[in-house]
Amino acid sequence: MQINITGHQLEITEGLKDHIEKKIRKLKGHSHSILEIKIILSVDNITHNAEGNIYLPKTDLHAKCSSPDMYQSIDLLVNKLDKQIIKHNEKMKDHNSQSNFKRTNFSAEN
């Protein structure tokens, strides 16, 4: 899994990088099929923005969060992405489960 962290008009410090990597471990626990994660951090006046993309096989997840504190924006972003991964995994389980098939007994019709 590849992790890309970029900053728009913002320098990515070791503290930010460590905080993001610590939070991303939570995402790794819910999905082992993550191909790539892209995090984009930016600042607009007093608003700190965090935007994230997660690339999974056959799907991409996207979220964006803003707050007055960059660390809080990162926390909110990871929580949103985590919910999306859990929801995606549940959809995949429901889609692949055998209980969705309708069974018909054709021998009783004769």
N, C-alpha and C. Protein backbone atom coordinates (compact mmCIF):
# COMPACT_ATOMS: atom_id res chain seq x y z
N MET A 1 0.84 -1.18 0.00
CA MET A 1 0.00 0.00 0.00
C MET A 1 0.89 1.24 0.00
N GLN A 2 0.52 2.18 -0.85
CA GLN A 2 1.28 3.40 -0.98
C GLN A 2 0.52 4.55 -0.34
N ILE A 3 1.21 5.40 0.41
CA ILE A 3 0.59 6.55 1.06
C ILE A 3 1.26 7.81 0.52
N ASN A 4 0.47 8.71 -0.08
CA ASN A 4 0.97 9.99 -0.58
C ASN A 4 0.36 11.10 0.24
N ILE A 5 1.21 11.95 0.81
CA ILE A 5 0.75 13.09 1.60
C ILE A 5 1.31 14.35 0.93
N THR A 6 0.42 15.24 0.51
CA THR A 6 0.86 16.48 -0.13
C THR A 6 0.24 17.67 0.57
N GLY A 7 0.89 18.80 0.47
CA GLY A 7 0.40 20.03 1.07
C GLY A 7 0.31 21.13 0.04
N HIS A 8 -0.81 21.80 -0.01
CA HIS A 8 -0.98 22.96 -0.87
C HIS A 8 -0.79 24.20 -0.03
N GLN A 9 0.25 24.96 -0.33
CA GLN A 9 0.62 26.15 0.43
C GLN A 9 0.79 25.82 1.91
N LEU A 10 1.33 24.64 2.18
CA LEU A 10 1.53 24.16 3.54
C LEU A 10 2.69 23.19 3.55
N GLU A 11 3.58 23.36 4.51
CA GLU A 11 4.70 22.43 4.64
C GLU A 11 4.27 21.25 5.51
N ILE A 12 4.54 20.05 5.03
CA ILE A 12 4.20 18.84 5.77
C ILE A 12 5.32 18.57 6.77
N THR A 13 5.01 18.74 8.05
CA THR A 13 6.01 18.52 9.09
C THR A 13 6.02 17.05 9.49
N GLU A 14 7.04 16.67 10.22
CA GLU A 14 7.12 15.28 10.71
C GLU A 14 5.97 14.98 11.67
N GLY A 15 5.54 15.97 12.44
CA GLY A 15 4.40 15.77 13.35
C GLY A 15 3.12 15.46 12.60
N LEU A 16 2.86 16.19 11.52
CA LEU A 16 1.68 15.91 10.71
C LEU A 16 1.77 14.54 10.06
N LYS A 17 2.96 14.24 9.54
CA LYS A 17 3.16 12.95 8.87
C LYS A 17 2.97 11.79 9.84
N ASP A 18 3.51 11.92 11.04
CA ASP A 18 3.36 10.86 12.06
C ASP A 18 1.90 10.71 12.48
N HIS A 19 1.21 11.84 12.64
CA HIS A 19 -0.20 11.80 13.04
C HIS A 19 -1.04 11.10 11.98
N ILE A 20 -0.80 11.41 10.71
CA ILE A 20 -1.54 10.79 9.62
C ILE A 20 -1.26 9.29 9.56
N GLU A 21 0.00 8.90 9.66
CA GLU A 21 0.35 7.48 9.59
C GLU A 21 -0.25 6.71 10.76
N LYS A 22 -0.30 7.33 11.94
CA LYS A 22 -0.91 6.67 13.10
C LYS A 22 -2.40 6.46 12.88
N LYS A 23 -3.07 7.45 12.32
CA LYS A 23 -4.51 7.35 12.06
C LYS A 23 -4.81 6.37 10.93
N ILE A 24 -3.93 6.27 9.96
CA ILE A 24 -4.17 5.39 8.81
C ILE A 24 -4.08 3.92 9.22
N ARG A 25 -3.38 3.62 10.27
CA ARG A 25 -3.33 2.23 10.77
C ARG A 25 -4.73 1.71 11.06
N LYS A 26 -5.62 2.59 11.50
CA LYS A 26 -7.00 2.23 11.78
C LYS A 26 -7.69 1.78 10.49
N LEU A 27 -7.41 2.48 9.38
CA LEU A 27 -8.00 2.12 8.09
C LEU A 27 -7.46 0.78 7.59
N LYS A 28 -6.19 0.54 7.81
CA LYS A 28 -5.58 -0.73 7.38
C LYS A 28 -6.23 -1.91 8.08
N GLY A 29 -6.67 -1.72 9.32
CA GLY A 29 -7.29 -2.81 10.07
C GLY A 29 -8.64 -3.21 9.51
N HIS A 30 -9.35 -2.28 8.87
CA HIS A 30 -10.67 -2.58 8.33
C HIS A 30 -10.64 -3.09 6.90
N SER A 31 -9.57 -2.83 6.18
CA SER A 31 -9.49 -3.30 4.80
C SER A 31 -8.05 -3.59 4.44
N HIS A 32 -7.80 -4.84 4.07
CA HIS A 32 -6.45 -5.23 3.68
C HIS A 32 -6.23 -5.08 2.19
N SER A 33 -7.26 -4.65 1.46
CA SER A 33 -7.16 -4.55 0.02
C SER A 33 -6.93 -3.12 -0.46
N ILE A 34 -6.49 -2.22 0.41
CA ILE A 34 -6.24 -0.84 0.02
C ILE A 34 -5.00 -0.81 -0.87
N LEU A 35 -5.15 -0.22 -2.06
CA LEU A 35 -4.04 -0.12 -2.99
C LEU A 35 -3.22 1.14 -2.75
N GLU A 36 -3.91 2.27 -2.56
CA GLU A 36 -3.21 3.55 -2.41
C GLU A 36 -4.08 4.51 -1.62
N ILE A 37 -3.42 5.37 -0.83
CA ILE A 37 -4.10 6.43 -0.09
C ILE A 37 -3.42 7.74 -0.43
N LYS A 38 -4.23 8.74 -0.81
CA LYS A 38 -3.72 10.08 -1.09
C LYS A 38 -4.37 11.06 -0.12
N ILE A 39 -3.54 11.82 0.58
CA ILE A 39 -4.02 12.82 1.52
C ILE A 39 -3.50 14.18 1.04
N ILE A 40 -4.41 15.15 0.92
CA ILE A 40 -4.04 16.49 0.51
C ILE A 40 -4.44 17.45 1.62
N LEU A 41 -3.48 18.20 2.14
CA LEU A 41 -3.71 19.16 3.21
C LEU A 41 -3.55 20.57 2.66
N SER A 42 -4.44 21.48 3.05
CA SER A 42 -4.35 22.86 2.60
C SER A 42 -4.90 23.79 3.67
N VAL A 43 -4.56 25.07 3.53
CA VAL A 43 -5.03 26.09 4.46
C VAL A 43 -5.63 27.24 3.66
N ASP A 44 -6.86 27.62 3.99
CA ASP A 44 -7.53 28.79 3.42
C ASP A 44 -7.85 29.75 4.55
N ASN A 45 -7.11 30.86 4.60
CA ASN A 45 -7.24 31.84 5.68
C ASN A 45 -7.12 31.15 7.04
N ILE A 46 -8.22 30.90 7.74
CA ILE A 46 -8.15 30.25 9.05
C ILE A 46 -8.72 28.83 9.00
N THR A 47 -9.15 28.39 7.84
CA THR A 47 -9.74 27.06 7.70
C THR A 47 -8.69 26.07 7.24
N HIS A 48 -8.55 24.98 7.97
CA HIS A 48 -7.61 23.91 7.61
C HIS A 48 -8.40 22.79 6.95
N ASN A 49 -8.01 22.45 5.74
CA ASN A 49 -8.73 21.44 4.95
C ASN A 49 -7.90 20.17 4.83
N ALA A 50 -8.56 19.05 4.93
CA ALA A 50 -7.93 17.75 4.70
C ALA A 50 -8.82 16.99 3.72
N GLU A 51 -8.21 16.50 2.66
CA GLU A 51 -8.94 15.78 1.62
C GLU A 51 -8.24 14.45 1.41
N GLY A 52 -9.02 13.38 1.26
CA GLY A 52 -8.43 12.06 1.12
C GLY A 52 -9.10 11.22 0.07
N ASN A 53 -8.29 10.43 -0.62
CA ASN A 53 -8.77 9.46 -1.60
C ASN A 53 -8.20 8.10 -1.23
N ILE A 54 -9.04 7.09 -1.24
CA ILE A 54 -8.60 5.72 -1.02
C ILE A 54 -8.96 4.92 -2.25
N TYR A 55 -7.97 4.23 -2.79
CA TYR A 55 -8.18 3.43 -3.99
C TYR A 55 -8.21 1.96 -3.60
N LEU A 56 -9.35 1.33 -3.84
CA LEU A 56 -9.56 -0.09 -3.60
C LEU A 56 -9.77 -0.77 -4.95
N PRO A 57 -9.65 -2.08 -5.01
CA PRO A 57 -9.96 -2.75 -6.28
C PRO A 57 -11.42 -2.47 -6.66
N LYS A 58 -11.63 -1.98 -7.85
CA LYS A 58 -12.95 -1.71 -8.44
C LYS A 58 -13.69 -0.52 -7.83
N THR A 59 -13.12 0.22 -6.90
CA THR A 59 -13.81 1.39 -6.34
C THR A 59 -12.82 2.39 -5.75
N ASP A 60 -13.25 3.64 -5.69
CA ASP A 60 -12.48 4.72 -5.08
C ASP A 60 -13.36 5.41 -4.05
N LEU A 61 -12.78 5.77 -2.92
CA LEU A 61 -13.50 6.46 -1.86
C LEU A 61 -12.90 7.86 -1.71
N HIS A 62 -13.74 8.85 -1.43
CA HIS A 62 -13.27 10.23 -1.33
C HIS A 62 -13.98 10.92 -0.16
N ALA A 63 -13.23 11.76 0.56
CA ALA A 63 -13.82 12.54 1.64
C ALA A 63 -13.04 13.85 1.79
N LYS A 64 -13.71 14.86 2.32
CA LYS A 64 -13.08 16.15 2.55
C LYS A 64 -13.62 16.73 3.84
N CYS A 65 -12.74 17.27 4.69
CA CYS A 65 -13.14 17.84 5.97
C CYS A 65 -12.42 19.16 6.21
N SER A 66 -13.07 20.04 6.94
CA SER A 66 -12.49 21.34 7.29
C SER A 66 -12.75 21.63 8.76
N SER A 67 -11.78 22.30 9.39
CA SER A 67 -11.93 22.73 10.77
C SER A 67 -10.88 23.80 11.06
N PRO A 68 -10.95 24.46 12.21
CA PRO A 68 -9.94 25.47 12.53
C PRO A 68 -8.56 24.88 12.88
N ASP A 69 -8.48 23.58 13.13
CA ASP A 69 -7.22 22.93 13.52
C ASP A 69 -6.91 21.81 12.53
N MET A 70 -5.67 21.73 12.05
CA MET A 70 -5.30 20.73 11.05
C MET A 70 -5.41 19.31 11.61
N TYR A 71 -4.98 19.10 12.85
CA TYR A 71 -5.05 17.76 13.44
C TYR A 71 -6.51 17.30 13.58
N GLN A 72 -7.40 18.23 13.91
CA GLN A 72 -8.82 17.89 14.00
C GLN A 72 -9.37 17.56 12.62
N SER A 73 -8.93 18.29 11.60
CA SER A 73 -9.37 18.00 10.22
C SER A 73 -8.94 16.61 9.79
N ILE A 74 -7.72 16.23 10.15
CA ILE A 74 -7.21 14.90 9.81
C ILE A 74 -8.02 13.83 10.53
N ASP A 75 -8.32 14.05 11.81
CA ASP A 75 -9.13 13.09 12.57
C ASP A 75 -10.51 12.90 11.94
N LEU A 76 -11.15 14.02 11.59
CA LEU A 76 -12.48 13.94 10.96
C LEU A 76 -12.41 13.22 9.62
N LEU A 77 -11.37 13.50 8.85
CA LEU A 77 -11.19 12.86 7.54
C LEU A 77 -11.04 11.35 7.68
N VAL A 78 -10.20 10.92 8.59
CA VAL A 78 -9.98 9.48 8.78
C VAL A 78 -11.25 8.80 9.27
N ASN A 79 -12.01 9.46 10.13
CA ASN A 79 -13.29 8.89 10.59
C ASN A 79 -14.26 8.72 9.43
N LYS A 80 -14.35 9.72 8.55
CA LYS A 80 -15.24 9.61 7.39
C LYS A 80 -14.80 8.47 6.46
N LEU A 81 -13.51 8.41 6.18
CA LEU A 81 -13.01 7.35 5.30
C LEU A 81 -13.21 5.98 5.92
N ASP A 82 -13.05 5.88 7.24
CA ASP A 82 -13.25 4.62 7.93
C ASP A 82 -14.70 4.15 7.79
N LYS A 83 -15.64 5.05 7.97
CA LYS A 83 -17.05 4.71 7.80
C LYS A 83 -17.34 4.25 6.37
N GLN A 84 -16.72 4.91 5.40
CA GLN A 84 -16.94 4.53 4.01
C GLN A 84 -16.38 3.14 3.73
N ILE A 85 -15.22 2.82 4.29
CA ILE A 85 -14.63 1.49 4.09
C ILE A 85 -15.51 0.43 4.72
N ILE A 86 -16.00 0.67 5.93
CA ILE A 86 -16.88 -0.30 6.60
C ILE A 86 -18.15 -0.51 5.78
N LYS A 87 -18.74 0.57 5.29
CA LYS A 87 -19.95 0.46 4.48
C LYS A 87 -19.67 -0.30 3.18
N HIS A 88 -18.53 -0.04 2.56
CA HIS A 88 -18.16 -0.75 1.33
C HIS A 88 -17.98 -2.24 1.61
N ASN A 89 -17.33 -2.57 2.71
CA ASN A 89 -17.12 -3.98 3.05
C ASN A 89 -18.44 -4.69 3.31
N GLU A 90 -19.38 -4.01 3.97
CA GLU A 90 -20.70 -4.60 4.22
C GLU A 90 -21.45 -4.83 2.91
N LYS A 91 -21.35 -3.89 1.98
CA LYS A 91 -22.00 -4.06 0.68
C LYS A 91 -21.43 -5.26 -0.05
N MET A 92 -20.12 -5.41 0.01
CA MET A 92 -19.47 -6.53 -0.68
C MET A 92 -19.88 -7.85 -0.05
N LYS A 93 -20.02 -7.90 1.27
CA LYS A 93 -20.45 -9.12 1.94
C LYS A 93 -21.89 -9.45 1.57
N ASP A 94 -22.76 -8.44 1.58
CA ASP A 94 -24.16 -8.64 1.22
C ASP A 94 -24.31 -9.08 -0.23
N HIS A 95 -23.51 -8.50 -1.07
CA HIS A 95 -23.58 -8.81 -2.51
C HIS A 95 -23.13 -10.24 -2.78
N ASN A 96 -22.16 -10.71 -2.03
CA ASN A 96 -21.60 -12.03 -2.27
C ASN A 96 -22.23 -13.14 -1.44
N SER A 97 -23.16 -12.79 -0.55
CA SER A 97 -23.72 -13.83 0.31
C SER A 97 -24.67 -14.73 -0.46
N GLN A 98 -24.76 -15.96 -0.04
CA GLN A 98 -25.61 -16.95 -0.71
C GLN A 98 -27.07 -16.78 -0.35
N SER A 99 -27.39 -16.02 0.68
CA SER A 99 -28.79 -15.88 1.10
C SER A 99 -29.58 -14.99 0.15
N ASN A 100 -28.94 -14.29 -0.74
CA ASN A 100 -29.63 -13.43 -1.69
C ASN A 100 -30.26 -14.21 -2.84
N PHE A 101 -29.90 -15.46 -3.03
CA PHE A 101 -30.44 -16.25 -4.11
C PHE A 101 -31.81 -16.79 -3.74
N LYS A 102 -32.73 -16.75 -4.69
CA LYS A 102 -34.05 -17.33 -4.46
C LYS A 102 -33.99 -18.78 -4.93
N ARG A 103 -34.51 -19.66 -4.12
CA ARG A 103 -34.49 -21.07 -4.44
C ARG A 103 -35.90 -21.53 -4.78
N THR A 104 -36.00 -22.34 -5.79
CA THR A 104 -37.29 -22.84 -6.23
C THR A 104 -37.21 -24.35 -6.34
N ASN A 105 -38.21 -25.01 -5.83
CA ASN A 105 -38.27 -26.47 -5.92
C ASN A 105 -39.14 -26.83 -7.11
N PHE A 106 -38.50 -27.21 -8.22
CA PHE A 106 -39.23 -27.53 -9.43
C PHE A 106 -39.85 -28.94 -9.40
N SER A 107 -39.37 -29.80 -8.56
CA SER A 107 -39.90 -31.17 -8.52
C SER A 107 -41.30 -31.23 -7.95
N ALA A 108 -41.71 -30.24 -7.17
CA ALA A 108 -43.03 -30.25 -6.56
C ALA A 108 -44.12 -29.82 -7.55
N GLU A 109 -43.76 -29.21 -8.67
CA GLU A 109 -44.73 -28.71 -9.62
C GLU A 109 -45.31 -29.83 -10.50
N ASN A 110 -44.69 -30.94 -10.61
CA ASN A 110 -45.16 -32.02 -11.51
C ASN A 110 -46.36 -32.63 -10.97
